[in-house]
N, C-alpha and C. Protein backbone atom coordinates (compact mmCIF):
# COMPACT_ATOMS: atom_id res chain seq x y z
N MET A 1 -2.10 4.86 0.84
CA MET A 1 -2.54 5.25 -0.37
C MET A 1 -2.89 6.72 -0.55
N THR A 2 -2.41 7.64 -1.41
CA THR A 2 -2.85 8.68 -1.50
C THR A 2 -4.40 9.25 -2.01
N ALA A 3 -4.78 9.97 -1.72
CA ALA A 3 -6.30 10.59 -2.58
C ALA A 3 -6.00 10.10 -3.96
N LYS A 4 -4.90 10.94 -4.51
CA LYS A 4 -5.12 10.61 -5.94
C LYS A 4 -4.68 9.42 -6.57
N GLU A 5 -3.87 8.79 -5.59
CA GLU A 5 -4.02 7.23 -6.24
C GLU A 5 -5.40 6.38 -6.30
N ARG A 6 -6.13 6.81 -4.91
CA ARG A 6 -7.23 6.22 -4.64
C ARG A 6 -8.16 7.02 -6.17
N ALA A 7 -7.95 7.73 -6.36
CA ALA A 7 -9.06 8.88 -7.47
C ALA A 7 -8.49 8.21 -8.62
N ALA A 8 -7.26 7.90 -9.08
CA ALA A 8 -6.82 7.36 -10.52
C ALA A 8 -7.57 5.62 -10.56
N ARG A 9 -8.44 5.17 -9.76
CA ARG A 9 -8.45 3.78 -9.95
C ARG A 9 -10.33 3.74 -10.21
N VAL A 10 -10.90 5.18 -10.07
CA VAL A 10 -12.33 5.41 -10.12
C VAL A 10 -12.86 5.20 -11.37
N LYS A 11 -13.81 3.97 -11.39
CA LYS A 11 -14.53 4.00 -12.95
C LYS A 11 -15.88 4.21 -12.45
N LEU A 12 -16.32 4.51 -11.38
CA LEU A 12 -17.60 4.57 -10.93
C LEU A 12 -18.07 5.85 -9.93
N LEU A 13 -18.47 6.74 -10.21
CA LEU A 13 -18.57 7.72 -9.07
C LEU A 13 -19.88 7.84 -8.51
N LEU A 14 -20.13 7.47 -7.25
CA LEU A 14 -21.86 7.69 -6.69
C LEU A 14 -22.02 9.11 -5.71
N MET A 15 -22.78 9.86 -5.46
CA MET A 15 -23.14 10.32 -4.52
C MET A 15 -24.47 10.48 -3.89
N ASP A 16 -24.49 11.21 -2.82
CA ASP A 16 -25.66 11.24 -2.37
C ASP A 16 -26.28 12.83 -2.78
N VAL A 17 -27.41 13.43 -3.02
CA VAL A 17 -28.08 14.55 -3.19
C VAL A 17 -27.83 15.30 -2.73
N ASP A 18 -29.04 15.65 -1.27
CA ASP A 18 -28.93 16.77 -0.42
C ASP A 18 -27.88 16.66 0.25
N GLY A 19 -27.50 18.05 0.13
CA GLY A 19 -26.06 18.06 0.73
C GLY A 19 -24.89 18.40 0.38
N VAL A 20 -24.66 17.90 -1.25
CA VAL A 20 -23.64 17.12 -1.80
C VAL A 20 -24.24 17.62 -3.22
N LEU A 21 -24.93 17.41 -3.93
CA LEU A 21 -25.33 18.05 -5.59
C LEU A 21 -26.29 19.01 -5.39
N THR A 22 -26.87 19.33 -3.78
CA THR A 22 -27.73 20.65 -3.68
C THR A 22 -26.77 21.25 -2.31
N ASP A 23 -27.64 22.37 -2.02
CA ASP A 23 -26.90 22.99 -0.66
C ASP A 23 -27.85 22.54 0.66
N GLY A 24 -28.76 21.64 0.00
CA GLY A 24 -29.51 20.69 0.83
C GLY A 24 -30.66 21.32 1.11
N THR A 25 -30.88 22.76 0.58
CA THR A 25 -32.57 23.37 0.87
C THR A 25 -33.26 22.89 -0.13
N LEU A 26 -34.42 22.85 0.84
CA LEU A 26 -35.70 21.93 -0.29
C LEU A 26 -36.61 23.15 -0.07
N TRP A 27 -37.23 23.63 -1.57
CA TRP A 27 -38.15 24.52 -1.69
C TRP A 27 -39.34 23.59 -2.08
N ASN A 28 -40.29 24.07 -1.08
CA ASN A 28 -41.84 23.80 -1.71
C ASN A 28 -42.92 24.92 -2.39
N VAL A 29 -43.02 24.54 -3.73
CA VAL A 29 -43.84 25.84 -4.23
C VAL A 29 -45.10 25.42 -4.77
N PRO A 30 -46.24 26.11 -4.94
CA PRO A 30 -47.62 25.80 -5.40
C PRO A 30 -47.65 25.01 -6.51
N ASP A 31 -48.15 24.19 -6.57
CA ASP A 31 -48.21 22.92 -7.65
C ASP A 31 -49.58 23.17 -8.61
N GLY A 32 -50.14 24.39 -8.49
CA GLY A 32 -51.45 24.73 -9.37
C GLY A 32 -52.60 23.64 -8.97
N GLN A 33 -52.52 22.74 -8.23
CA GLN A 33 -53.53 22.19 -7.49
C GLN A 33 -54.17 21.90 -6.42
N GLY A 34 -53.61 23.05 -5.70
CA GLY A 34 -53.62 23.23 -4.09
C GLY A 34 -52.75 22.64 -3.46
N GLY A 35 -51.83 22.02 -3.95
CA GLY A 35 -50.66 21.16 -3.13
C GLY A 35 -49.54 22.01 -3.06
N PHE A 36 -48.10 21.25 -3.00
CA PHE A 36 -46.95 21.83 -3.26
C PHE A 36 -46.19 20.81 -3.51
N ALA A 37 -45.24 21.28 -4.59
CA ALA A 37 -44.15 20.42 -5.29
C ALA A 37 -43.16 20.98 -4.34
N GLU A 38 -42.18 19.74 -4.63
CA GLU A 38 -40.92 20.00 -3.91
C GLU A 38 -39.93 20.04 -4.71
N THR A 39 -38.91 21.23 -4.86
CA THR A 39 -38.13 21.28 -5.96
C THR A 39 -36.44 21.95 -4.99
N LYS A 40 -35.44 21.74 -5.68
CA LYS A 40 -34.25 22.07 -5.41
C LYS A 40 -33.27 22.63 -6.45
N GLY A 41 -32.29 23.23 -6.22
CA GLY A 41 -31.19 23.75 -7.04
C GLY A 41 -30.05 22.82 -7.05
N PHE A 42 -29.53 22.98 -8.43
CA PHE A 42 -28.40 22.18 -8.89
C PHE A 42 -27.22 23.30 -9.62
N ASP A 43 -26.01 23.00 -8.93
CA ASP A 43 -24.68 23.67 -9.82
C ASP A 43 -25.01 23.12 -11.38
N SER A 44 -24.73 24.04 -11.70
CA SER A 44 -24.22 23.95 -13.46
C SER A 44 -22.82 23.49 -13.55
N GLN A 45 -21.83 23.86 -12.86
CA GLN A 45 -20.74 23.19 -12.84
C GLN A 45 -20.32 21.81 -12.45
N ASP A 46 -21.36 21.41 -11.52
CA ASP A 46 -21.48 20.04 -11.22
C ASP A 46 -21.82 19.23 -12.37
N GLY A 47 -22.82 19.64 -13.20
CA GLY A 47 -23.26 18.99 -14.64
C GLY A 47 -22.46 18.90 -15.71
N ILE A 48 -21.27 19.85 -15.59
CA ILE A 48 -20.64 19.71 -16.70
C ILE A 48 -19.62 18.54 -16.68
N ALA A 49 -19.40 18.82 -15.48
CA ALA A 49 -17.91 17.76 -14.75
C ALA A 49 -18.52 16.56 -15.01
N LEU A 50 -19.58 16.10 -14.20
CA LEU A 50 -20.17 14.81 -14.35
C LEU A 50 -20.42 14.48 -16.03
N GLN A 51 -20.81 15.42 -16.94
CA GLN A 51 -20.53 14.62 -18.43
C GLN A 51 -19.65 14.55 -18.86
N TRP A 52 -18.05 15.10 -18.20
CA TRP A 52 -17.03 14.86 -18.56
C TRP A 52 -16.46 13.61 -18.29
N LEU A 53 -17.08 13.22 -17.08
CA LEU A 53 -16.61 11.61 -16.56
C LEU A 53 -17.40 10.72 -17.42
N ASN A 54 -18.47 10.74 -18.10
CA ASN A 54 -19.28 9.95 -18.79
C ASN A 54 -18.61 9.76 -20.11
N TRP A 55 -18.25 11.21 -20.92
CA TRP A 55 -17.42 10.97 -21.96
C TRP A 55 -16.32 10.25 -21.82
N HIS A 56 -15.39 9.93 -20.57
CA HIS A 56 -14.28 9.41 -20.18
C HIS A 56 -14.44 7.58 -20.24
N GLY A 57 -15.73 7.61 -19.74
CA GLY A 57 -16.41 5.75 -19.39
C GLY A 57 -16.41 5.97 -17.83
N ILE A 58 -16.49 6.85 -17.35
CA ILE A 58 -16.52 6.89 -15.88
C ILE A 58 -18.11 6.91 -15.66
N ARG A 59 -18.52 6.14 -15.08
CA ARG A 59 -20.30 6.04 -15.09
C ARG A 59 -20.20 6.76 -13.54
N THR A 60 -21.72 7.48 -13.48
CA THR A 60 -21.91 8.39 -12.10
C THR A 60 -23.23 7.93 -11.81
N GLY A 61 -23.90 7.82 -10.49
CA GLY A 61 -24.67 8.03 -10.42
C GLY A 61 -25.24 8.42 -8.97
N VAL A 62 -26.81 8.27 -8.16
CA VAL A 62 -27.19 9.15 -6.95
C VAL A 62 -27.28 7.75 -6.33
N ILE A 63 -27.44 7.93 -4.72
CA ILE A 63 -28.29 6.93 -4.15
C ILE A 63 -28.73 8.34 -2.98
N SER A 64 -30.03 8.50 -2.81
CA SER A 64 -30.55 9.36 -1.74
C SER A 64 -31.50 8.87 -0.94
N GLY A 65 -31.52 9.49 -0.21
CA GLY A 65 -32.80 8.71 0.93
C GLY A 65 -34.07 9.69 0.60
N ARG A 66 -34.01 10.53 -0.39
CA ARG A 66 -35.13 11.38 -0.42
C ARG A 66 -35.77 11.04 -1.73
N VAL A 67 -36.88 11.06 -2.29
CA VAL A 67 -37.56 10.83 -3.38
C VAL A 67 -37.80 12.05 -3.74
N SER A 68 -37.21 12.71 -5.50
CA SER A 68 -37.51 13.92 -5.96
C SER A 68 -37.67 13.84 -7.07
N PRO A 69 -39.05 14.40 -8.03
CA PRO A 69 -38.60 14.23 -9.13
C PRO A 69 -37.61 15.34 -9.69
N ALA A 70 -37.12 16.35 -9.18
CA ALA A 70 -35.98 17.39 -9.50
C ALA A 70 -34.82 16.36 -9.62
N THR A 71 -34.79 15.44 -8.73
CA THR A 71 -33.25 14.66 -8.67
C THR A 71 -33.41 13.74 -9.53
N GLU A 72 -34.51 13.03 -10.05
CA GLU A 72 -34.18 12.46 -11.28
C GLU A 72 -34.04 13.25 -12.71
N ILE A 73 -35.01 14.15 -12.66
CA ILE A 73 -34.48 15.04 -13.76
C ILE A 73 -33.18 15.57 -14.16
N ARG A 74 -32.63 16.05 -13.12
CA ARG A 74 -30.68 16.56 -12.98
C ARG A 74 -30.40 15.13 -12.95
N ALA A 75 -30.48 14.22 -12.58
CA ALA A 75 -29.44 12.96 -12.77
C ALA A 75 -29.29 12.56 -14.38
N LYS A 76 -30.52 12.43 -15.06
CA LYS A 76 -30.70 12.09 -16.62
C LYS A 76 -30.22 13.18 -17.32
N GLN A 77 -29.95 14.69 -16.84
CA GLN A 77 -29.53 15.64 -17.85
C GLN A 77 -27.84 15.75 -17.73
N CYS A 78 -27.67 14.68 -16.44
CA CYS A 78 -26.22 14.77 -16.06
C CYS A 78 -25.70 13.25 -16.88
N LYS A 79 -26.47 12.68 -17.45
CA LYS A 79 -25.98 11.39 -17.93
C LYS A 79 -25.73 10.00 -17.24
N MET A 80 -26.43 10.49 -15.59
CA MET A 80 -26.19 9.73 -14.61
C MET A 80 -26.52 8.11 -15.00
N ALA A 81 -25.77 7.41 -14.80
CA ALA A 81 -26.42 5.38 -15.23
C ALA A 81 -27.24 5.13 -14.04
N TYR A 82 -26.71 5.65 -12.93
CA TYR A 82 -27.65 4.89 -11.69
C TYR A 82 -28.21 6.15 -10.94
N ILE A 83 -29.73 5.71 -10.94
CA ILE A 83 -30.65 6.76 -9.92
C ILE A 83 -31.28 6.14 -9.20
N TYR A 84 -30.89 6.03 -7.84
CA TYR A 84 -31.79 5.37 -6.49
C TYR A 84 -32.00 6.09 -5.59
N GLN A 85 -33.35 6.82 -5.30
CA GLN A 85 -34.31 7.31 -4.18
C GLN A 85 -34.88 6.46 -3.30
N GLY A 86 -35.31 7.34 -2.46
CA GLY A 86 -35.69 6.77 -1.52
C GLY A 86 -35.17 5.69 -0.44
N HIS A 87 -33.68 5.75 -0.49
CA HIS A 87 -32.99 4.74 -0.04
C HIS A 87 -32.06 5.02 1.01
N ILE A 88 -32.34 5.10 2.82
CA ILE A 88 -31.80 5.42 3.54
C ILE A 88 -30.54 4.55 3.80
N GLU A 89 -31.31 3.20 3.74
CA GLU A 89 -30.17 2.22 4.21
C GLU A 89 -29.32 1.89 2.36
N LYS A 90 -28.16 2.24 2.35
CA LYS A 90 -27.09 2.56 1.03
C LYS A 90 -26.51 1.31 0.87
N ILE A 91 -26.20 0.68 1.91
CA ILE A 91 -25.59 -0.67 1.28
C ILE A 91 -25.79 -1.76 0.68
N PRO A 92 -27.04 -1.81 0.72
CA PRO A 92 -27.86 -3.04 -0.50
C PRO A 92 -27.49 -2.26 -1.46
N ILE A 93 -27.88 -1.27 -2.04
CA ILE A 93 -27.90 -0.12 -3.42
C ILE A 93 -26.72 -0.49 -3.65
N LEU A 94 -25.70 -0.26 -3.10
CA LEU A 94 -24.30 0.05 -3.56
C LEU A 94 -23.91 -1.36 -3.92
N GLN A 95 -24.10 -2.46 -3.15
CA GLN A 95 -23.77 -3.61 -3.68
C GLN A 95 -24.37 -4.07 -5.46
N GLU A 96 -25.60 -3.54 -5.06
CA GLU A 96 -26.50 -3.88 -6.47
C GLU A 96 -25.84 -3.07 -7.41
N ILE A 97 -25.48 -1.72 -7.27
CA ILE A 97 -24.89 -0.92 -8.13
C ILE A 97 -23.53 -1.35 -8.94
N MET A 98 -22.34 -2.03 -7.97
CA MET A 98 -21.30 -2.49 -8.18
C MET A 98 -21.46 -4.01 -8.95
N ALA A 99 -22.42 -4.85 -8.67
CA ALA A 99 -22.80 -5.86 -9.58
C ALA A 99 -22.93 -5.48 -11.19
N ASP A 100 -23.60 -4.67 -11.25
CA ASP A 100 -24.47 -4.32 -12.35
C ASP A 100 -23.13 -3.51 -13.16
N ALA A 101 -22.32 -2.73 -12.65
CA ALA A 101 -21.00 -1.75 -13.08
C ALA A 101 -19.78 -3.06 -13.21
N LYS A 102 -20.16 -4.19 -12.67
CA LYS A 102 -18.86 -4.91 -12.46
C LYS A 102 -17.83 -3.99 -12.40
N VAL A 103 -17.94 -3.44 -11.03
CA VAL A 103 -16.72 -2.82 -10.50
C VAL A 103 -16.38 -3.67 -9.46
N THR A 104 -14.82 -3.37 -8.46
CA THR A 104 -14.76 -3.89 -7.48
C THR A 104 -14.86 -2.38 -6.49
N PRO A 105 -14.94 -2.74 -5.31
CA PRO A 105 -14.84 -1.62 -4.20
C PRO A 105 -13.91 -0.44 -4.44
N GLU A 106 -12.70 -0.73 -4.98
CA GLU A 106 -11.56 0.08 -4.96
C GLU A 106 -11.84 0.90 -6.22
N GLU A 107 -12.70 0.43 -7.26
CA GLU A 107 -12.74 1.37 -8.20
C GLU A 107 -14.13 2.16 -8.37
N VAL A 108 -14.43 2.29 -6.83
CA VAL A 108 -15.77 3.24 -6.71
C VAL A 108 -15.42 4.14 -5.94
N GLY A 109 -16.10 5.81 -6.14
CA GLY A 109 -15.83 6.90 -5.46
C GLY A 109 -17.09 7.27 -5.27
N TYR A 110 -17.22 8.02 -3.64
CA TYR A 110 -18.47 8.28 -3.25
C TYR A 110 -18.45 9.58 -2.57
N ILE A 111 -19.61 10.49 -2.71
CA ILE A 111 -19.11 11.53 -2.31
C ILE A 111 -20.39 11.80 -1.06
N GLY A 112 -19.90 12.25 -0.41
CA GLY A 112 -21.25 12.66 0.74
C GLY A 112 -20.87 13.36 1.72
N ASP A 113 -21.91 13.57 2.78
CA ASP A 113 -22.49 14.75 3.73
C ASP A 113 -22.69 14.78 4.88
N ASP A 114 -23.38 13.41 5.11
CA ASP A 114 -24.29 13.19 6.51
C ASP A 114 -23.89 11.75 6.84
N LEU A 115 -24.53 11.28 7.97
CA LEU A 115 -24.16 10.35 8.58
C LEU A 115 -24.75 8.71 7.96
N THR A 116 -25.47 8.96 6.73
CA THR A 116 -25.99 7.88 5.94
C THR A 116 -25.08 7.47 5.15
N ASP A 117 -24.15 8.25 4.90
CA ASP A 117 -22.96 8.51 3.79
C ASP A 117 -21.89 7.68 4.18
N ILE A 118 -21.62 7.83 5.64
CA ILE A 118 -20.14 6.98 6.50
C ILE A 118 -20.56 5.18 5.73
N VAL A 119 -21.27 4.93 6.11
CA VAL A 119 -21.11 3.52 5.62
C VAL A 119 -20.84 3.32 4.19
N VAL A 120 -21.43 3.81 3.61
CA VAL A 120 -20.62 3.58 2.10
C VAL A 120 -19.46 4.53 1.96
N MET A 121 -18.80 5.21 2.36
CA MET A 121 -17.61 5.60 2.03
C MET A 121 -16.89 4.68 2.94
N LYS A 122 -16.74 3.73 3.64
CA LYS A 122 -16.10 2.76 4.49
C LYS A 122 -15.86 1.49 3.24
N ARG A 123 -16.76 1.86 2.49
CA ARG A 123 -16.87 0.58 1.65
C ARG A 123 -16.08 1.02 0.08
N VAL A 124 -15.85 2.33 0.04
CA VAL A 124 -15.10 2.20 -1.32
C VAL A 124 -14.05 2.78 -1.45
N GLY A 125 -13.16 2.56 -2.42
CA GLY A 125 -11.74 3.01 -2.51
C GLY A 125 -11.46 4.58 -2.71
N PHE A 126 -12.43 5.41 -2.95
CA PHE A 126 -12.19 6.66 -3.03
C PHE A 126 -13.58 7.58 -2.15
N ALA A 127 -13.31 7.86 -1.02
CA ALA A 127 -14.45 8.21 -0.26
C ALA A 127 -14.23 9.98 -0.18
N VAL A 128 -15.27 10.76 -0.54
CA VAL A 128 -14.79 12.30 -0.39
C VAL A 128 -16.08 12.75 0.27
N ALA A 129 -15.70 13.88 1.14
CA ALA A 129 -16.75 14.69 1.93
C ALA A 129 -16.57 16.06 1.25
N VAL A 130 -18.07 16.58 1.21
CA VAL A 130 -18.24 18.28 1.20
C VAL A 130 -17.64 18.89 2.07
N GLN A 131 -17.53 20.12 1.92
CA GLN A 131 -16.67 21.22 3.10
C GLN A 131 -17.85 21.23 4.08
N ASN A 132 -19.23 21.41 3.82
CA ASN A 132 -20.40 21.34 4.73
C ASN A 132 -20.76 19.92 5.60
N ALA A 133 -19.70 19.00 5.29
CA ALA A 133 -20.59 17.56 5.66
C ALA A 133 -20.37 18.15 7.32
N ARG A 134 -20.95 16.90 7.74
CA ARG A 134 -20.61 16.72 9.27
C ARG A 134 -19.19 16.15 9.73
N PRO A 135 -19.21 16.36 10.99
CA PRO A 135 -17.21 15.84 11.19
C PRO A 135 -17.12 14.77 10.83
N GLN A 136 -18.23 13.97 11.26
CA GLN A 136 -17.77 12.36 11.41
C GLN A 136 -17.48 11.77 10.15
N VAL A 137 -18.47 12.53 9.13
CA VAL A 137 -17.98 12.21 7.67
C VAL A 137 -16.60 12.54 7.18
N LYS A 138 -16.10 14.08 7.25
CA LYS A 138 -15.07 14.33 7.04
C LYS A 138 -13.85 13.45 7.54
N ALA A 139 -14.19 12.87 8.83
CA ALA A 139 -13.07 11.83 9.50
C ALA A 139 -13.05 10.63 8.58
N ALA A 140 -14.26 10.33 7.81
CA ALA A 140 -13.98 9.17 7.18
C ALA A 140 -13.83 8.96 5.60
N ALA A 141 -13.43 10.41 5.39
CA ALA A 141 -13.54 10.54 4.13
C ALA A 141 -11.46 10.45 3.71
N HIS A 142 -11.34 10.29 2.24
CA HIS A 142 -9.78 10.33 1.72
C HIS A 142 -9.62 11.62 1.53
N ALA A 143 -10.67 12.44 0.97
CA ALA A 143 -10.40 13.98 0.49
C ALA A 143 -11.64 14.79 0.85
N VAL A 144 -11.42 15.94 1.22
CA VAL A 144 -12.53 17.02 1.79
C VAL A 144 -12.47 17.93 0.62
N THR A 145 -13.78 18.06 -0.18
CA THR A 145 -13.77 19.36 -1.27
C THR A 145 -13.59 20.70 0.15
N GLU A 146 -12.95 21.87 -0.84
CA GLU A 146 -12.66 23.20 -0.14
C GLU A 146 -14.39 23.76 -0.98
N ALA A 147 -14.98 23.55 -1.72
CA ALA A 147 -16.29 23.88 -2.08
C ALA A 147 -17.54 23.42 -0.98
N ARG A 148 -18.63 23.88 -1.03
CA ARG A 148 -19.63 23.03 -0.17
C ARG A 148 -20.41 22.46 -1.29
N GLY A 149 -21.07 21.57 -0.55
CA GLY A 149 -22.52 20.91 -1.16
C GLY A 149 -23.22 21.94 -1.91
N GLY A 150 -23.81 21.24 -3.50
CA GLY A 150 -24.52 22.48 -4.21
C GLY A 150 -23.78 23.48 -4.48
N GLN A 151 -22.23 23.85 -4.46
CA GLN A 151 -21.68 24.90 -4.88
C GLN A 151 -20.42 24.31 -5.58
N ALA A 152 -20.77 23.69 -6.34
CA ALA A 152 -19.72 22.71 -7.49
C ALA A 152 -18.57 21.96 -6.42
N ALA A 153 -18.78 21.48 -5.31
CA ALA A 153 -18.19 20.65 -4.58
C ALA A 153 -18.04 18.99 -5.97
N VAL A 154 -19.04 18.89 -6.08
CA VAL A 154 -19.08 17.70 -7.05
C VAL A 154 -18.35 17.83 -7.94
N ARG A 155 -17.98 19.04 -8.70
CA ARG A 155 -17.32 19.48 -9.90
C ARG A 155 -15.78 19.32 -9.53
N GLU A 156 -15.40 19.44 -8.17
CA GLU A 156 -13.96 19.42 -7.46
C GLU A 156 -13.60 18.31 -7.76
N ALA A 157 -14.68 17.19 -6.98
CA ALA A 157 -14.10 15.86 -6.92
C ALA A 157 -14.12 15.26 -8.63
N CYS A 158 -15.02 15.73 -9.28
CA CYS A 158 -14.68 14.98 -10.51
C CYS A 158 -13.19 15.43 -11.42
N GLU A 159 -12.80 16.94 -10.87
CA GLU A 159 -11.54 17.36 -11.49
C GLU A 159 -9.99 16.56 -11.06
N TRP A 160 -10.48 16.24 -9.50
CA TRP A 160 -9.30 14.94 -9.00
C TRP A 160 -9.06 14.36 -9.51
N ILE A 161 -10.56 13.07 -10.03
CA ILE A 161 -10.55 12.29 -10.67
C ILE A 161 -9.87 12.30 -12.30
N LEU A 162 -10.71 13.30 -12.95
CA LEU A 162 -9.38 13.10 -14.13
C LEU A 162 -8.65 13.91 -14.15
N ASP A 163 -7.93 14.42 -13.18
CA ASP A 163 -6.49 15.01 -13.28
C ASP A 163 -5.43 13.49 -12.28
N ALA A 164 -6.13 12.79 -11.58
CA ALA A 164 -5.58 11.35 -11.33
C ALA A 164 -5.43 10.51 -12.25
N GLN A 165 -6.25 10.58 -13.51
CA GLN A 165 -6.31 9.59 -14.41
C GLN A 165 -5.64 10.17 -15.89
N GLY A 166 -4.98 11.35 -15.56
CA GLY A 166 -4.34 11.91 -16.79
C GLY A 166 -5.34 12.60 -17.86
N LEU A 167 -6.28 12.67 -17.41
CA LEU A 167 -7.25 13.27 -18.31
C LEU A 167 -7.71 14.99 -18.14
N TRP A 168 -7.39 15.80 -17.31
CA TRP A 168 -7.60 16.57 -16.90
C TRP A 168 -7.15 17.81 -17.76
N SER A 169 -5.62 17.40 -18.28
CA SER A 169 -4.83 18.36 -19.11
C SER A 169 -5.31 18.15 -20.52
N LYS A 170 -5.74 17.22 -20.98
CA LYS A 170 -6.78 17.17 -22.26
C LYS A 170 -7.91 17.77 -22.43
N LEU A 171 -8.36 18.22 -21.59
CA LEU A 171 -9.91 18.68 -21.24
C LEU A 171 -9.53 20.09 -21.57
N LEU A 172 -8.41 20.84 -20.60
CA LEU A 172 -8.15 22.07 -20.39
C LEU A 172 -7.55 22.21 -21.88
N GLU A 173 -6.79 21.40 -22.69
CA GLU A 173 -6.21 21.62 -23.94
C GLU A 173 -7.61 21.94 -25.19
N LYS A 174 -8.78 21.03 -25.03
CA LYS A 174 -9.80 21.05 -25.79
C LYS A 174 -10.27 22.31 -25.84
N TYR A 175 -10.48 23.04 -24.49
CA TYR A 175 -11.22 24.38 -24.24
C TYR A 175 -10.37 25.29 -24.31
N GLU A 176 -8.92 25.18 -24.75
CA GLU A 176 -8.13 26.30 -24.87
C GLU A 176 -7.84 27.03 -23.61
N ALA A 177 -7.67 26.26 -22.45
CA ALA A 177 -7.68 27.06 -21.24
C ALA A 177 -6.18 26.90 -20.63
């Protein structure tokens, strides 16, 4: 089965955060109380593409090993249905999300970059690695983005899904592109 055929079946797109939605850089900035707050940068093109999926009934979500208020805020901005943080063991979370979303593994897409993502990628219908992913992650993927994580790699994967489902050309028409 081709990557496009796999993308055509996606009803739910999940992803890691650091190295996928971000470039993996973590900034610790003074919090005004003598401590530090962690923040990170997100790509605006990823955000609009995630909203396009939402418009078409394709739910999205994150499963991250780190806990970050910045991630929660960004996920909510992008209308994500599922926000799971602090989970290095991702399979139980994947199973919980799939049960809630009432989707089969074949209807799930996942975007990853590191070793903890491989176990999820092997259990979904459309596994995507970002360009800067570890070699083992790329080997487990059905498709690899040209863009690096945090630099519109998620946008690229969203476009593949929209195109495979016959929705991309309609979106281009909407924006007169």
